[in-house]
Amino acid sequence: MKLANERTKSKELFSMDDLIKKVFDEPIIMMGDFNASGTYLREDECTEVDRLLQQNKLVWGINHGENTMVGSKASYDRFIFEAEVANKMIKSVKVWRFNKDWSHNDPSIVEEAIKRN
């Protein structure tokens, strides 16, 4: 498996075709801050990205409506899997809400995480 590091802005999502061609012989898993939500990506651009994914047999691991941010309600941090890889190897992907799941739920840690966003 190859790791491709793409610092992604919404326009760069459309260069996925080129990235996919570079690693086509390896299972594809892309992850990171795709800025694929909110004001970064218009609805028509989102539709086009979805079309590109489907055309390349790729799927979003986290759906468009999932909130992946602590300080806002947006879905920036995402995963993209090769559909075949997702079906065979990925049991589940979900947003982990550390501020709800940690047993100690230290307010200073949550506040610091919010400041960083």
PDB file of N, CA and C in Angstrom:
ATOM      1  N   MET A   1       0.843  -1.161   0.000  1.00  0.00           N
ATOM      2  CA  MET A   1       0.000   0.000   0.000  1.00  0.00           C
ATOM      3  C   MET A   1       0.894   1.232   0.000  1.00  0.00           C
ATOM      4  N   LYS A   2       0.604   2.196  -0.859  1.00  0.00           N
ATOM      5  CA  LYS A   2       1.359   3.442  -0.915  1.00  0.00           C
ATOM      6  C   LYS A   2       0.615   4.519  -0.143  1.00  0.00           C
ATOM      7  N   LEU A   3       1.367   5.412   0.455  1.00  0.00           N
ATOM      8  CA  LEU A   3       0.785   6.543   1.164  1.00  0.00           C
ATOM      9  C   LEU A   3       1.018   7.784   0.323  1.00  0.00           C
ATOM     10  N   ALA A   4      -0.044   8.419  -0.082  1.00  0.00           N
ATOM     11  CA  ALA A   4       0.053   9.649  -0.862  1.00  0.00           C
ATOM     12  C   ALA A   4      -0.337  10.807   0.034  1.00  0.00           C
ATOM     13  N   ASN A   5       0.527  11.783   0.132  1.00  0.00           N
ATOM     14  CA  ASN A   5       0.262  12.931   0.991  1.00  0.00           C
ATOM     15  C   ASN A   5      -0.144  14.103   0.115  1.00  0.00           C
ATOM     16  N   GLU A   6      -1.397  14.411   0.112  1.00  0.00           N
ATOM     17  CA  GLU A   6      -1.914  15.539  -0.643  1.00  0.00           C
ATOM     18  C   GLU A   6      -2.463  16.559   0.338  1.00  0.00           C
ATOM     19  N   ARG A   7      -1.855  17.742   0.402  1.00  0.00           N
ATOM     20  CA  ARG A   7      -2.411  18.823   1.219  1.00  0.00           C
ATOM     21  C   ARG A   7      -3.530  19.409   0.382  1.00  0.00           C
ATOM     22  N   THR A   8      -4.742  19.141   0.767  1.00  0.00           N
ATOM     23  CA  THR A   8      -5.874  19.337  -0.123  1.00  0.00           C
ATOM     24  C   THR A   8      -6.640  20.611   0.146  1.00  0.00           C
ATOM     25  N   LYS A   9      -6.867  21.333  -0.916  1.00  0.00           N
ATOM     26  CA  LYS A   9      -7.838  22.415  -0.938  1.00  0.00           C
ATOM     27  C   LYS A   9      -8.904  21.936  -1.905  1.00  0.00           C
ATOM     28  N   SER A  10     -10.065  22.570  -1.894  1.00  0.00           N
ATOM     29  CA  SER A  10     -11.170  22.027  -2.690  1.00  0.00           C
ATOM     30  C   SER A  10     -10.796  21.826  -4.155  1.00  0.00           C
ATOM     31  N   LYS A  11     -10.033  22.750  -4.758  1.00  0.00           N
ATOM     32  CA  LYS A  11      -9.659  22.602  -6.167  1.00  0.00           C
ATOM     33  C   LYS A  11      -8.780  21.378  -6.379  1.00  0.00           C
ATOM     34  N   GLU A  12      -7.985  21.037  -5.365  1.00  0.00           N
ATOM     35  CA  GLU A  12      -7.094  19.887  -5.488  1.00  0.00           C
ATOM     36  C   GLU A  12      -7.853  18.568  -5.474  1.00  0.00           C
ATOM     37  N   LEU A  13      -9.069  18.575  -4.943  1.00  0.00           N
ATOM     38  CA  LEU A  13      -9.865  17.345  -4.984  1.00  0.00           C
ATOM     39  C   LEU A  13     -10.059  16.884  -6.420  1.00  0.00           C
ATOM     40  N   PHE A  14     -10.082  17.842  -7.347  1.00  0.00           N
ATOM     41  CA  PHE A  14     -10.305  17.488  -8.739  1.00  0.00           C
ATOM     42  C   PHE A  14      -9.054  16.906  -9.400  1.00  0.00           C
ATOM     43  N   SER A  15      -7.913  16.951  -8.718  1.00  0.00           N
ATOM     44  CA  SER A  15      -6.699  16.332  -9.247  1.00  0.00           C
ATOM     45  C   SER A  15      -6.570  14.882  -8.789  1.00  0.00           C
ATOM     46  N   MET A  16      -7.611  14.365  -8.134  1.00  0.00           N
ATOM     47  CA  MET A  16      -7.566  12.980  -7.649  1.00  0.00           C
ATOM     48  C   MET A  16      -7.327  11.991  -8.770  1.00  0.00           C
ATOM     49  N   ASP A  17      -7.877  12.273  -9.949  1.00  0.00           N
ATOM     50  CA  ASP A  17      -7.668  11.377 -11.083  1.00  0.00           C
ATOM     51  C   ASP A  17      -6.180  11.127 -11.307  1.00  0.00           C
ATOM     52  N   ASP A  18      -5.386  12.198 -11.298  1.00  0.00           N
ATOM     53  CA  ASP A  18      -3.942  12.066 -11.513  1.00  0.00           C
ATOM     54  C   ASP A  18      -3.288  11.271 -10.396  1.00  0.00           C
ATOM     55  N   LEU A  19      -3.671  11.547  -9.165  1.00  0.00           N
ATOM     56  CA  LEU A  19      -3.122  10.821  -8.020  1.00  0.00           C
ATOM     57  C   LEU A  19      -3.462   9.339  -8.109  1.00  0.00           C
ATOM     58  N   ILE A  20      -4.694   9.033  -8.455  1.00  0.00           N
ATOM     59  CA  ILE A  20      -5.141   7.641  -8.551  1.00  0.00           C
ATOM     60  C   ILE A  20      -4.348   6.899  -9.623  1.00  0.00           C
ATOM     61  N   LYS A  21      -4.078   7.560 -10.747  1.00  0.00           N
ATOM     62  CA  LYS A  21      -3.314   6.923 -11.819  1.00  0.00           C
ATOM     63  C   LYS A  21      -1.890   6.593 -11.371  1.00  0.00           C
ATOM     64  N   LYS A  22      -1.335   7.390 -10.441  1.00  0.00           N
ATOM     65  CA  LYS A  22       0.024   7.149  -9.958  1.00  0.00           C
ATOM     66  C   LYS A  22       0.104   5.925  -9.055  1.00  0.00           C
ATOM     67  N   VAL A  23      -0.977   5.576  -8.390  1.00  0.00           N
ATOM     68  CA  VAL A  23      -0.953   4.465  -7.430  1.00  0.00           C
ATOM     69  C   VAL A  23      -1.952   3.370  -7.797  1.00  0.00           C
ATOM     70  N   PHE A  24      -2.340   3.306  -9.065  1.00  0.00           N
ATOM     71  CA  PHE A  24      -3.426   2.410  -9.467  1.00  0.00           C
ATOM     72  C   PHE A  24      -3.168   0.945  -9.176  1.00  0.00           C
ATOM     73  N   ASP A  25      -1.909   0.562  -9.015  1.00  0.00           N
ATOM     74  CA  ASP A  25      -1.600  -0.849  -8.800  1.00  0.00           C
ATOM     75  C   ASP A  25      -1.607  -1.231  -7.324  1.00  0.00           C
ATOM     76  N   GLU A  26      -1.915  -0.303  -6.444  1.00  0.00           N
ATOM     77  CA  GLU A  26      -1.938  -0.540  -5.001  1.00  0.00           C
ATOM     78  C   GLU A  26      -3.338  -0.248  -4.468  1.00  0.00           C
ATOM     79  N   PRO A  27      -3.722  -0.876  -3.352  1.00  0.00           N
ATOM     80  CA  PRO A  27      -4.998  -0.501  -2.730  1.00  0.00           C
ATOM     81  C   PRO A  27      -4.982   0.984  -2.356  1.00  0.00           C
ATOM     82  N   ILE A  28      -6.092   1.647  -2.559  1.00  0.00           N
ATOM     83  CA  ILE A  28      -6.160   3.089  -2.331  1.00  0.00           C
ATOM     84  C   ILE A  28      -6.942   3.397  -1.067  1.00  0.00           C
ATOM     85  N   ILE A  29      -6.290   4.109  -0.161  1.00  0.00           N
ATOM     86  CA  ILE A  29      -6.945   4.687   1.008  1.00  0.00           C
ATOM     87  C   ILE A  29      -6.381   6.092   1.142  1.00  0.00           C
ATOM     88  N   MET A  30      -7.230   7.094   1.018  1.00  0.00           N
ATOM     89  CA  MET A  30      -6.812   8.482   1.181  1.00  0.00           C
ATOM     90  C   MET A  30      -7.493   9.028   2.423  1.00  0.00           C
ATOM     91  N   MET A  31      -6.761   9.799   3.197  1.00  0.00           N
ATOM     92  CA  MET A  31      -7.363  10.379   4.390  1.00  0.00           C
ATOM     93  C   MET A  31      -6.757  11.742   4.660  1.00  0.00           C
ATOM     94  N   GLY A  32      -7.549  12.566   5.310  1.00  0.00           N
ATOM     95  CA  GLY A  32      -7.027  13.870   5.680  1.00  0.00           C
ATOM     96  C   GLY A  32      -8.087  14.946   5.673  1.00  0.00           C
ATOM     97  N   ASP A  33      -7.607  16.159   5.715  1.00  0.00           N
ATOM     98  CA  ASP A  33      -8.473  17.327   5.705  1.00  0.00           C
ATOM     99  C   ASP A  33      -8.743  17.679   4.247  1.00  0.00           C
ATOM    100  N   PHE A  34      -9.836  17.172   3.710  1.00  0.00           N
ATOM    101  CA  PHE A  34     -10.163  17.400   2.309  1.00  0.00           C
ATOM    102  C   PHE A  34     -10.925  18.698   2.076  1.00  0.00           C
ATOM    103  N   ASN A  35     -11.266  19.410   3.161  1.00  0.00           N
ATOM    104  CA  ASN A  35     -12.066  20.628   3.017  1.00  0.00           C
ATOM    105  C   ASN A  35     -13.268  20.377   2.108  1.00  0.00           C
ATOM    106  N   ALA A  36     -13.894  19.240   2.273  1.00  0.00           N
ATOM    107  CA  ALA A  36     -14.994  18.821   1.400  1.00  0.00           C
ATOM    108  C   ALA A  36     -16.343  19.145   2.022  1.00  0.00           C
ATOM    109  N   SER A  37     -16.428  20.311   2.645  1.00  0.00           N
ATOM    110  CA  SER A  37     -17.665  20.676   3.328  1.00  0.00           C
ATOM    111  C   SER A  37     -17.688  22.180   3.529  1.00  0.00           C
ATOM    112  N   GLY A  38     -18.794  22.667   3.999  1.00  0.00           N
ATOM    113  CA  GLY A  38     -18.906  24.078   4.350  1.00  0.00           C
ATOM    114  C   GLY A  38     -18.710  24.986   3.158  1.00  0.00           C
ATOM    115  N   THR A  39     -18.007  26.085   3.368  1.00  0.00           N
ATOM    116  CA  THR A  39     -17.820  27.080   2.315  1.00  0.00           C
ATOM    117  C   THR A  39     -16.710  26.719   1.343  1.00  0.00           C
ATOM    118  N   TYR A  40     -15.952  25.679   1.621  1.00  0.00           N
ATOM    119  CA  TYR A  40     -14.848  25.303   0.748  1.00  0.00           C
ATOM    120  C   TYR A  40     -15.313  24.671  -0.560  1.00  0.00           C
ATOM    121  N   LEU A  41     -16.416  23.968  -0.528  1.00  0.00           N
ATOM    122  CA  LEU A  41     -16.850  23.195  -1.684  1.00  0.00           C
ATOM    123  C   LEU A  41     -18.329  23.447  -1.941  1.00  0.00           C
ATOM    124  N   ARG A  42     -18.613  24.050  -3.102  1.00  0.00           N
ATOM    125  CA  ARG A  42     -20.011  24.297  -3.479  1.00  0.00           C
ATOM    126  C   ARG A  42     -20.707  22.965  -3.752  1.00  0.00           C
ATOM    127  N   GLU A  43     -22.033  22.994  -3.725  1.00  0.00           N
ATOM    128  CA  GLU A  43     -22.804  21.762  -3.928  1.00  0.00           C
ATOM    129  C   GLU A  43     -22.508  21.132  -5.285  1.00  0.00           C
ATOM    130  N   ASP A  44     -22.392  21.956  -6.347  1.00  0.00           N
ATOM    131  CA  ASP A  44     -22.099  21.403  -7.672  1.00  0.00           C
ATOM    132  C   ASP A  44     -20.695  20.797  -7.719  1.00  0.00           C
ATOM    133  N   GLU A  45     -19.742  21.388  -6.985  1.00  0.00           N
ATOM    134  CA  GLU A  45     -18.398  20.814  -6.916  1.00  0.00           C
ATOM    135  C   GLU A  45     -18.409  19.498  -6.149  1.00  0.00           C
ATOM    136  N   CYS A  46     -19.198  19.452  -5.094  1.00  0.00           N
ATOM    137  CA  CYS A  46     -19.328  18.223  -4.310  1.00  0.00           C
ATOM    138  C   CYS A  46     -19.894  17.098  -5.182  1.00  0.00           C
ATOM    139  N   THR A  47     -20.886  17.436  -5.989  1.00  0.00           N
ATOM    140  CA  THR A  47     -21.476  16.460  -6.911  1.00  0.00           C
ATOM    141  C   THR A  47     -20.431  15.963  -7.904  1.00  0.00           C
ATOM    142  N   GLU A  48     -19.588  16.874  -8.396  1.00  0.00           N
ATOM    143  CA  GLU A  48     -18.544  16.495  -9.344  1.00  0.00           C
ATOM    144  C   GLU A  48     -17.499  15.592  -8.681  1.00  0.00           C
ATOM    145  N   VAL A  49     -17.115  15.895  -7.450  1.00  0.00           N
ATOM    146  CA  VAL A  49     -16.168  15.042  -6.725  1.00  0.00           C
ATOM    147  C   VAL A  49     -16.774  13.657  -6.518  1.00  0.00           C
ATOM    148  N   ASP A  50     -18.045  13.609  -6.138  1.00  0.00           N
ATOM    149  CA  ASP A  50     -18.724  12.319  -5.972  1.00  0.00           C
ATOM    150  C   ASP A  50     -18.707  11.524  -7.273  1.00  0.00           C
ATOM    151  N   ARG A  51     -18.904  12.210  -8.405  1.00  0.00           N
ATOM    152  CA  ARG A  51     -18.880  11.552  -9.711  1.00  0.00           C
ATOM    153  C   ARG A  51     -17.484  10.994  -9.996  1.00  0.00           C
ATOM    154  N   LEU A  52     -16.449  11.790  -9.700  1.00  0.00           N
ATOM    155  CA  LEU A  52     -15.070  11.320  -9.904  1.00  0.00           C
ATOM    156  C   LEU A  52     -14.765  10.094  -9.051  1.00  0.00           C
ATOM    157  N   LEU A  53     -15.225  10.126  -7.810  1.00  0.00           N
ATOM    158  CA  LEU A  53     -15.014   8.973  -6.931  1.00  0.00           C
ATOM    159  C   LEU A  53     -15.686   7.732  -7.499  1.00  0.00           C
ATOM    160  N   GLN A  54     -16.948   7.880  -7.867  1.00  0.00           N
ATOM    161  CA  GLN A  54     -17.694   6.735  -8.396  1.00  0.00           C
ATOM    162  C   GLN A  54     -17.037   6.212  -9.670  1.00  0.00           C
ATOM    163  N   GLN A  55     -16.608   7.111 -10.531  1.00  0.00           N
ATOM    164  CA  GLN A  55     -15.959   6.735 -11.788  1.00  0.00           C
ATOM    165  C   GLN A  55     -14.690   5.919 -11.527  1.00  0.00           C
ATOM    166  N   ASN A  56     -14.009   6.214 -10.436  1.00  0.00           N
ATOM    167  CA  ASN A  56     -12.770   5.511 -10.087  1.00  0.00           C
ATOM    168  C   ASN A  56     -12.978   4.412  -9.054  1.00  0.00           C
ATOM    169  N   LYS A  57     -14.235   4.044  -8.822  1.00  0.00           N
ATOM    170  CA  LYS A  57     -14.611   2.984  -7.879  1.00  0.00           C
ATOM    171  C   LYS A  57     -14.097   3.276  -6.465  1.00  0.00           C
ATOM    172  N   LEU A  58     -14.272   4.540  -6.045  1.00  0.00           N
ATOM    173  CA  LEU A  58     -13.886   4.989  -4.717  1.00  0.00           C
ATOM    174  C   LEU A  58     -15.128   5.426  -3.955  1.00  0.00           C
ATOM    175  N   VAL A  59     -15.056   5.349  -2.639  1.00  0.00           N
ATOM    176  CA  VAL A  59     -16.202   5.738  -1.804  1.00  0.00           C
ATOM    177  C   VAL A  59     -15.713   6.593  -0.631  1.00  0.00           C
ATOM    178  N   TRP A  60     -16.578   7.494  -0.183  1.00  0.00           N
ATOM    179  CA  TRP A  60     -16.307   8.252   1.035  1.00  0.00           C
ATOM    180  C   TRP A  60     -16.451   7.309   2.221  1.00  0.00           C
ATOM    181  N   GLY A  61     -15.526   7.355   3.151  1.00  0.00           N
ATOM    182  CA  GLY A  61     -15.644   6.571   4.379  1.00  0.00           C
ATOM    183  C   GLY A  61     -16.527   7.266   5.399  1.00  0.00           C
ATOM    184  N   ILE A  62     -16.553   8.585   5.351  1.00  0.00           N
ATOM    185  CA  ILE A  62     -17.397   9.385   6.233  1.00  0.00           C
ATOM    186  C   ILE A  62     -18.320  10.197   5.340  1.00  0.00           C
ATOM    187  N   ASN A  63     -19.596  10.102   5.581  1.00  0.00           N
ATOM    188  CA  ASN A  63     -20.582  10.764   4.729  1.00  0.00           C
ATOM    189  C   ASN A  63     -20.518  12.278   4.840  1.00  0.00           C
ATOM    190  N   HIS A  64     -21.095  12.954   3.861  1.00  0.00           N
ATOM    191  CA  HIS A  64     -21.073  14.411   3.789  1.00  0.00           C
ATOM    192  C   HIS A  64     -21.644  15.075   5.041  1.00  0.00           C
ATOM    193  N   GLY A  65     -22.660  14.534   5.633  1.00  0.00           N
ATOM    194  CA  GLY A  65     -23.327  15.178   6.752  1.00  0.00           C
ATOM    195  C   GLY A  65     -22.672  14.986   8.106  1.00  0.00           C
ATOM    196  N   GLU A  66     -21.623  14.167   8.178  1.00  0.00           N
ATOM    197  CA  GLU A  66     -20.976  13.884   9.465  1.00  0.00           C
ATOM    198  C   GLU A  66     -20.118  15.069   9.913  1.00  0.00           C
ATOM    199  N   ASN A  67     -20.290  15.486  11.140  1.00  0.00           N
ATOM    200  CA  ASN A  67     -19.496  16.562  11.720  1.00  0.00           C
ATOM    201  C   ASN A  67     -18.177  15.979  12.213  1.00  0.00           C
ATOM    202  N   THR A  68     -17.064  16.424  11.614  1.00  0.00           N
ATOM    203  CA  THR A  68     -15.749  15.923  12.025  1.00  0.00           C
ATOM    204  C   THR A  68     -14.939  16.973  12.777  1.00  0.00           C
ATOM    205  N   MET A  69     -15.549  18.090  13.088  1.00  0.00           N
ATOM    206  CA  MET A  69     -14.851  19.190  13.756  1.00  0.00           C
ATOM    207  C   MET A  69     -15.370  19.382  15.174  1.00  0.00           C
ATOM    208  N   VAL A  70     -14.513  19.852  16.058  1.00  0.00           N
ATOM    209  CA  VAL A  70     -14.920  20.140  17.431  1.00  0.00           C
ATOM    210  C   VAL A  70     -15.559  21.520  17.509  1.00  0.00           C
ATOM    211  N   GLY A  71     -14.977  22.501  16.810  1.00  0.00           N
ATOM    212  CA  GLY A  71     -15.427  23.877  16.938  1.00  0.00           C
ATOM    213  C   GLY A  71     -16.455  24.322  15.930  1.00  0.00           C
ATOM    214  N   SER A  72     -16.844  23.474  14.988  1.00  0.00           N
ATOM    215  CA  SER A  72     -17.866  23.834  13.999  1.00  0.00           C
ATOM    216  C   SER A  72     -18.616  22.572  13.601  1.00  0.00           C
ATOM    217  N   LYS A  73     -19.617  22.734  12.790  1.00  0.00           N
ATOM    218  CA  LYS A  73     -20.381  21.580  12.317  1.00  0.00           C
ATOM    219  C   LYS A  73     -20.079  21.379  10.832  1.00  0.00           C
ATOM    220  N   ALA A  74     -18.928  20.829  10.560  1.00  0.00           N
ATOM    221  CA  ALA A  74     -18.493  20.627   9.189  1.00  0.00           C
ATOM    222  C   ALA A  74     -17.843  19.258   9.058  1.00  0.00           C
ATOM    223  N   SER A  75     -17.721  18.820   7.811  1.00  0.00           N
ATOM    224  CA  SER A  75     -17.166  17.503   7.519  1.00  0.00           C
ATOM    225  C   SER A  75     -15.887  17.663   6.699  1.00  0.00           C
ATOM    226  N   TYR A  76     -14.843  18.193   7.339  1.00  0.00           N
ATOM    227  CA  TYR A  76     -13.590  18.430   6.632  1.00  0.00           C
ATOM    228  C   TYR A  76     -12.689  17.201   6.616  1.00  0.00           C
ATOM    229  N   ASP A  77     -12.501  16.581   7.751  1.00  0.00           N
ATOM    230  CA  ASP A  77     -11.605  15.425   7.857  1.00  0.00           C
ATOM    231  C   ASP A  77     -12.324  14.192   7.341  1.00  0.00           C
ATOM    232  N   ARG A  78     -11.785  13.616   6.264  1.00  0.00           N
ATOM    233  CA  ARG A  78     -12.506  12.539   5.595  1.00  0.00           C
ATOM    234  C   ARG A  78     -11.567  11.405   5.221  1.00  0.00           C
ATOM    235  N   PHE A  79     -12.161  10.306   4.801  1.00  0.00           N
ATOM    236  CA  PHE A  79     -11.455   9.140   4.285  1.00  0.00           C
ATOM    237  C   PHE A  79     -12.055   8.800   2.930  1.00  0.00           C
ATOM    238  N   ILE A  80     -11.221   8.362   2.031  1.00  0.00           N
ATOM    239  CA  ILE A  80     -11.684   7.854   0.738  1.00  0.00           C
ATOM    240  C   ILE A  80     -11.040   6.487   0.559  1.00  0.00           C
ATOM    241  N   PHE A  81     -11.871   5.507   0.263  1.00  0.00           N
ATOM    242  CA  PHE A  81     -11.399   4.137   0.091  1.00  0.00           C
ATOM    243  C   PHE A  81     -11.736   3.640  -1.303  1.00  0.00           C
ATOM    244  N   GLU A  82     -10.906   2.742  -1.778  1.00  0.00           N
ATOM    245  CA  GLU A  82     -11.262   1.974  -2.952  1.00  0.00           C
ATOM    246  C   GLU A  82     -12.443   1.101  -2.535  1.00  0.00           C
ATOM    247  N   ALA A  83     -13.511   1.097  -3.307  1.00  0.00           N
ATOM    248  CA  ALA A  83     -14.738   0.391  -2.918  1.00  0.00           C
ATOM    249  C   ALA A  83     -14.453  -1.062  -2.556  1.00  0.00           C
ATOM    250  N   GLU A  84     -13.617  -1.724  -3.331  1.00  0.00           N
ATOM    251  CA  GLU A  84     -13.291  -3.130  -3.064  1.00  0.00           C
ATOM    252  C   GLU A  84     -12.562  -3.282  -1.730  1.00  0.00           C
ATOM    253  N   VAL A  85     -11.646  -2.364  -1.432  1.00  0.00           N
ATOM    254  CA  VAL A  85     -10.917  -2.385  -0.157  1.00  0.00           C
ATOM    255  C   VAL A  85     -11.893  -2.177   0.989  1.00  0.00           C
ATOM    256  N   ALA A  86     -12.773  -1.209   0.827  1.00  0.00           N
ATOM    257  CA  ALA A  86     -13.752  -0.917   1.882  1.00  0.00           C
ATOM    258  C   ALA A  86     -14.613  -2.136   2.170  1.00  0.00           C
ATOM    259  N   ASN A  87     -15.056  -2.811   1.132  1.00  0.00           N
ATOM    260  CA  ASN A  87     -15.924  -3.978   1.315  1.00  0.00           C
ATOM    261  C   ASN A  87     -15.196  -5.154   1.960  1.00  0.00           C
ATOM    262  N   LYS A  88     -13.913  -5.336   1.647  1.00  0.00           N
ATOM    263  CA  LYS A  88     -13.167  -6.492   2.146  1.00  0.00           C
ATOM    264  C   LYS A  88     -12.461  -6.248   3.476  1.00  0.00           C
ATOM    265  N   MET A  89     -11.941  -5.028   3.667  1.00  0.00           N
ATOM    266  CA  MET A  89     -11.021  -4.809   4.778  1.00  0.00           C
ATOM    267  C   MET A  89     -11.505  -3.832   5.853  1.00  0.00           C
ATOM    268  N   ILE A  90     -12.414  -2.971   5.522  1.00  0.00           N
ATOM    269  CA  ILE A  90     -12.839  -1.934   6.464  1.00  0.00           C
ATOM    270  C   ILE A  90     -14.162  -2.353   7.080  1.00  0.00           C
ATOM    271  N   LYS A  91     -14.160  -2.591   8.364  1.00  0.00           N
ATOM    272  CA  LYS A  91     -15.404  -3.012   9.022  1.00  0.00           C
ATOM    273  C   LYS A  91     -16.310  -1.823   9.296  1.00  0.00           C
ATOM    274  N   SER A  92     -15.747  -0.734   9.787  1.00  0.00           N
ATOM    275  CA  SER A  92     -16.560   0.458  10.023  1.00  0.00           C
ATOM    276  C   SER A  92     -15.671   1.687  10.144  1.00  0.00           C
ATOM    277  N   VAL A  93     -16.220   2.805   9.768  1.00  0.00           N
ATOM    278  CA  VAL A  93     -15.567   4.095   9.926  1.00  0.00           C
ATOM    279  C   VAL A  93     -16.592   5.007  10.559  1.00  0.00           C
ATOM    280  N   LYS A  94     -16.179   5.683  11.612  1.00  0.00           N
ATOM    281  CA  LYS A  94     -17.108   6.622  12.231  1.00  0.00           C
ATOM    282  C   LYS A  94     -16.315   7.751  12.857  1.00  0.00           C
ATOM    283  N   VAL A  95     -17.013   8.819  13.129  1.00  0.00           N
ATOM    284  CA  VAL A  95     -16.396   9.958  13.795  1.00  0.00           C
ATOM    285  C   VAL A  95     -16.304   9.638  15.275  1.00  0.00           C
ATOM    286  N   TRP A  96     -15.112   9.776  15.825  1.00  0.00           N
ATOM    287  CA  TRP A  96     -14.928   9.534  17.257  1.00  0.00           C
ATOM    288  C   TRP A  96     -14.960  10.872  17.963  1.00  0.00           C
ATOM    289  N   ARG A  97     -15.920  11.067  18.820  1.00  0.00           N
ATOM    290  CA  ARG A  97     -16.092  12.306  19.579  1.00  0.00           C
ATOM    291  C   ARG A  97     -15.319  12.175  20.883  1.00  0.00           C
ATOM    292  N   PHE A  98     -14.041  12.556  20.849  1.00  0.00           N
ATOM    293  CA  PHE A  98     -13.197  12.366  22.029  1.00  0.00           C
ATOM    294  C   PHE A  98     -13.759  13.073  23.254  1.00  0.00           C
ATOM    295  N   ASN A  99     -14.383  14.238  23.051  1.00  0.00           N
ATOM    296  CA  ASN A  99     -14.890  14.987  24.200  1.00  0.00           C
ATOM    297  C   ASN A  99     -16.102  14.317  24.836  1.00  0.00           C
ATOM    298  N   LYS A 100     -16.719  13.384  24.142  1.00  0.00           N
ATOM    299  CA  LYS A 100     -17.844  12.640  24.717  1.00  0.00           C
ATOM    300  C   LYS A 100     -17.415  11.258  25.201  1.00  0.00           C
ATOM    301  N   ASP A 101     -16.418  10.673  24.541  1.00  0.00           N
ATOM    302  CA  ASP A 101     -16.042   9.290  24.811  1.00  0.00           C
ATOM    303  C   ASP A 101     -14.987   9.112  25.898  1.00  0.00           C
ATOM    304  N   TRP A 102     -14.140  10.080  26.105  1.00  0.00           N
ATOM    305  CA  TRP A 102     -13.129   9.942  27.149  1.00  0.00           C
ATOM    306  C   TRP A 102     -13.790   9.970  28.508  1.00  0.00           C
ATOM    307  N   SER A 103     -13.396   9.045  29.354  1.00  0.00           N
ATOM    308  CA  SER A 103     -14.052   8.935  30.659  1.00  0.00           C
ATOM    309  C   SER A 103     -13.785  10.138  31.553  1.00  0.00           C
ATOM    310  N   HIS A 104     -12.600  10.744  31.443  1.00  0.00           N
ATOM    311  CA  HIS A 104     -12.313  11.878  32.319  1.00  0.00           C
ATOM    312  C   HIS A 104     -12.832  13.200  31.760  1.00  0.00           C
ATOM    313  N   ASN A 105     -13.000  13.315  30.460  1.00  0.00           N
ATOM    314  CA  ASN A 105     -13.580  14.488  29.805  1.00  0.00           C
ATOM    315  C   ASN A 105     -13.037  15.794  30.397  1.00  0.00           C
ATOM    316  N   ASP A 106     -11.753  15.934  30.434  1.00  0.00           N
ATOM    317  CA  ASP A 106     -11.080  17.107  30.992  1.00  0.00           C
ATOM    318  C   ASP A 106     -11.409  18.353  30.162  1.00  0.00           C
ATOM    319  N   PRO A 107     -12.105  19.336  30.726  1.00  0.00           N
ATOM    320  CA  PRO A 107     -12.507  20.539  29.980  1.00  0.00           C
ATOM    321  C   PRO A 107     -11.325  21.303  29.387  1.00  0.00           C
ATOM    322  N   SER A 108     -10.180  21.302  30.039  1.00  0.00           N
ATOM    323  CA  SER A 108      -9.029  22.042  29.507  1.00  0.00           C
ATOM    324  C   SER A 108      -8.520  21.419  28.206  1.00  0.00           C
ATOM    325  N   ILE A 109      -8.592  20.097  28.094  1.00  0.00           N
ATOM    326  CA  ILE A 109      -8.179  19.423  26.859  1.00  0.00           C
ATOM    327  C   ILE A 109      -9.146  19.770  25.736  1.00  0.00           C
ATOM    328  N   VAL A 110     -10.433  19.739  26.010  1.00  0.00           N
ATOM    329  CA  VAL A 110     -11.447  20.071  25.008  1.00  0.00           C
ATOM    330  C   VAL A 110     -11.268  21.517  24.563  1.00  0.00           C
ATOM    331  N   GLU A 111     -11.077  22.439  25.495  1.00  0.00           N
ATOM    332  CA  GLU A 111     -10.886  23.852  25.159  1.00  0.00           C
ATOM    333  C   GLU A 111      -9.653  24.049  24.284  1.00  0.00           C
ATOM    334  N   GLU A 112      -8.574  23.358  24.599  1.00  0.00           N
ATOM    335  CA  GLU A 112      -7.351  23.465  23.807  1.00  0.00           C
ATOM    336  C   GLU A 112      -7.575  22.948  22.386  1.00  0.00           C
ATOM    337  N   ALA A 113      -8.293  21.851  22.238  1.00  0.00           N
ATOM    338  CA  ALA A 113      -8.589  21.302  20.907  1.00  0.00           C
ATOM    339  C   ALA A 113      -9.441  22.274  20.105  1.00  0.00           C
ATOM    340  N   ILE A 114     -10.401  22.916  20.737  1.00  0.00           N
ATOM    341  CA  ILE A 114     -11.257  23.885  20.048  1.00  0.00           C
ATOM    342  C   ILE A 114     -10.425  25.082  19.589  1.00  0.00           C
ATOM    343  N   LYS A 115      -9.505  25.558  20.399  1.00  0.00           N
ATOM    344  CA  LYS A 115      -8.648  26.692  20.037  1.00  0.00           C
ATOM    345  C   LYS A 115      -7.820  26.383  18.794  1.00  0.00           C
ATOM    346  N   ARG A 116      -7.388  25.143  18.659  1.00  0.00           N
ATOM    347  CA  ARG A 116      -6.540  24.759  17.522  1.00  0.00           C
ATOM    348  C   ARG A 116      -7.307  24.751  16.214  1.00  0.00           C
ATOM    349  N   ASN A 117      -8.614  24.623  16.262  1.00  0.00           N
ATOM    350  CA  ASN A 117      -9.413  24.631  15.037  1.00  0.00           C
ATOM    351  C   ASN A 117      -9.774  26.026  14.743  1.00  0.00           C
TER     352      ASN A 117
END
